[in-house]
Amino acid sequence: MRDRVSATSRSGAVLLEVIVAMTIFAIASTTMLVRSAQARRTVALALAGEDRLNKASAFLDHVVLWPREDFDRHLGAHPQGQWLLEIEHPEATLYTVTVLDGESHEKLVNTVVYRTARRTPAAY
């Protein structure tokens, strides 16, 4: 009779161990799924940010080809499509060009452009 009680209590302990193991496994699986979803979202945001920077850089590539007159005409901050273009003229031959996000005004790319100084006509 003693063996029968011992076997019953042992099978109850095994069942309890299985329930605890399944609970731990369920919690670990849920954690892995949540982390996987967060990683996927992070990668998507990183790709979108990279795409935005590439587009801003391509726009800046076009702007730096402008002649001096266009830089003078666009001094200050002006919306240019989805971008905010900010051009400053700190020196007689230098222009700083910054491309900002049109919505958040976050600085994306910038550069300094050299253009020769204007020649003044000789006075006689």
Protein backbone atom coordinates (compact mmCIF):
# COMPACT_ATOMS: atom_id res chain seq x y z
CA MET A 1 0.00 0.00 0.00
CA ARG A 2 2.89 2.27 0.79
CA ASP A 3 4.26 1.75 -2.76
CA ARG A 4 0.93 2.77 -4.23
CA VAL A 5 0.86 6.11 -2.32
CA SER A 6 4.48 6.80 -3.23
CA ALA A 7 3.81 6.15 -6.94
CA THR A 8 0.76 8.44 -6.87
CA SER A 9 2.63 11.30 -5.21
CA ARG A 10 5.54 10.87 -7.64
CA SER A 11 3.23 11.05 -10.67
CA GLY A 12 1.69 14.23 -9.20
CA ALA A 13 5.14 15.75 -8.82
CA VAL A 14 5.99 14.83 -12.42
CA LEU A 15 2.78 16.49 -13.61
CA LEU A 16 3.66 19.63 -11.65
CA GLU A 17 7.15 19.65 -13.18
CA VAL A 18 5.67 19.34 -16.68
CA ILE A 19 3.28 22.25 -16.02
CA VAL A 20 6.14 24.43 -14.74
CA ALA A 21 8.31 23.48 -17.74
CA MET A 22 5.51 24.29 -20.19
CA THR A 23 4.94 27.66 -18.49
CA ILE A 24 8.63 28.53 -18.73
CA PHE A 25 8.66 27.46 -22.37
CA ALA A 26 5.56 29.58 -23.13
CA ILE A 27 7.08 32.67 -21.50
CA ALA A 28 10.37 32.18 -23.36
CA SER A 29 8.55 31.69 -26.67
CA THR A 30 6.45 34.83 -26.16
CA THR A 31 9.59 36.82 -25.34
CA MET A 32 11.29 35.58 -28.50
CA LEU A 33 8.25 36.53 -30.62
CA VAL A 34 8.12 40.03 -29.13
CA ARG A 35 11.86 40.55 -29.70
CA SER A 36 11.55 39.28 -33.25
CA ALA A 37 8.74 41.76 -33.98
CA GLN A 38 10.77 44.60 -32.44
CA ALA A 39 13.81 43.65 -34.52
CA ARG A 40 11.72 43.61 -37.70
CA ARG A 41 10.30 47.05 -36.87
CA THR A 42 13.80 48.39 -36.13
CA VAL A 43 15.12 47.13 -39.46
CA ALA A 44 12.18 48.71 -41.30
CA LEU A 45 12.82 52.06 -39.60
CA ALA A 46 16.53 51.87 -40.39
CA LEU A 47 15.83 51.14 -44.06
CA ALA A 48 13.35 54.01 -44.25
CA GLY A 49 15.90 56.36 -42.65
CA GLU A 50 18.60 55.23 -45.06
CA ASP A 51 16.26 55.76 -48.01
CA ARG A 52 15.42 59.27 -46.77
CA LEU A 53 19.13 60.12 -46.44
CA ASN A 54 19.87 58.75 -49.91
CA LYS A 55 17.11 60.91 -51.42
CA ALA A 56 18.34 64.00 -49.54
CA SER A 57 21.88 63.31 -50.73
CA ALA A 58 20.69 62.96 -54.33
CA PHE A 59 18.88 66.30 -54.02
CA LEU A 60 22.03 67.90 -52.58
CA ASP A 61 24.01 66.47 -55.51
CA HIS A 62 21.80 68.51 -57.85
CA VAL A 63 21.93 71.66 -55.73
CA VAL A 64 25.74 71.82 -55.60
CA LEU A 65 25.75 72.10 -59.40
CA TRP A 66 23.82 75.38 -59.29
CA PRO A 67 25.61 78.49 -60.49
CA ARG A 68 26.39 81.33 -58.12
CA GLU A 69 23.28 83.28 -59.17
CA ASP A 70 20.99 80.44 -58.07
CA PHE A 71 22.68 80.28 -54.67
CA ASP A 72 22.25 84.05 -54.28
CA ARG A 73 18.59 83.75 -55.25
CA HIS A 74 17.95 80.95 -52.72
CA LEU A 75 19.72 82.47 -49.68
CA GLY A 76 17.94 81.61 -46.43
CA ALA A 77 15.63 78.69 -45.72
CA HIS A 78 13.11 77.72 -48.40
CA PRO A 79 10.91 74.66 -48.91
CA GLN A 80 11.96 72.59 -51.91
CA GLY A 81 9.46 69.75 -52.35
CA GLN A 82 9.76 67.45 -49.35
CA TRP A 83 12.92 69.19 -48.17
CA LEU A 84 13.77 72.46 -46.49
CA LEU A 85 16.83 73.93 -48.21
CA GLU A 86 18.94 76.32 -46.17
CA ILE A 87 21.66 78.30 -47.93
CA GLU A 88 24.02 80.71 -46.17
CA HIS A 89 26.79 82.89 -47.58
CA PRO A 90 29.47 83.17 -44.83
CA GLU A 91 32.33 84.25 -47.13
CA ALA A 92 32.56 86.00 -50.48
CA THR A 93 33.32 82.70 -52.25
CA LEU A 94 31.62 80.13 -49.96
CA TYR A 95 28.05 78.95 -49.56
CA THR A 96 26.88 76.49 -46.91
CA VAL A 97 24.06 74.29 -48.13
CA THR A 98 21.95 72.25 -45.70
CA VAL A 99 19.08 69.92 -46.55
CA LEU A 100 16.60 69.45 -43.72
CA ASP A 101 13.55 67.22 -43.47
CA GLY A 102 10.50 69.27 -44.46
CA GLU A 103 8.35 68.02 -41.59
CA SER A 104 10.69 67.53 -38.64
CA HIS A 105 13.33 70.12 -39.68
CA GLU A 106 15.98 67.52 -38.83
CA LYS A 107 19.33 68.22 -40.52
CA LEU A 108 19.97 65.43 -43.02
CA VAL A 109 22.98 66.47 -45.12
CA ASN A 110 25.08 69.59 -45.57
CA THR A 111 28.12 70.79 -47.45
CA VAL A 112 30.13 73.88 -48.30
CA VAL A 113 30.28 75.02 -51.92
CA TYR A 114 32.92 77.26 -53.49
CA ARG A 115 32.00 79.69 -56.24
CA THR A 116 34.39 82.29 -57.63
CA ALA A 117 33.83 85.86 -56.51
CA ARG A 118 32.02 88.23 -58.81
CA ARG A 119 34.22 90.43 -60.87
CA THR A 120 33.47 94.08 -60.59
CA PRO A 121 33.87 96.14 -63.76
CA ALA A 122 37.03 98.20 -63.84
CA ALA A 123 36.45 101.90 -63.16
CA TYR A 124 38.04 104.28 -65.69
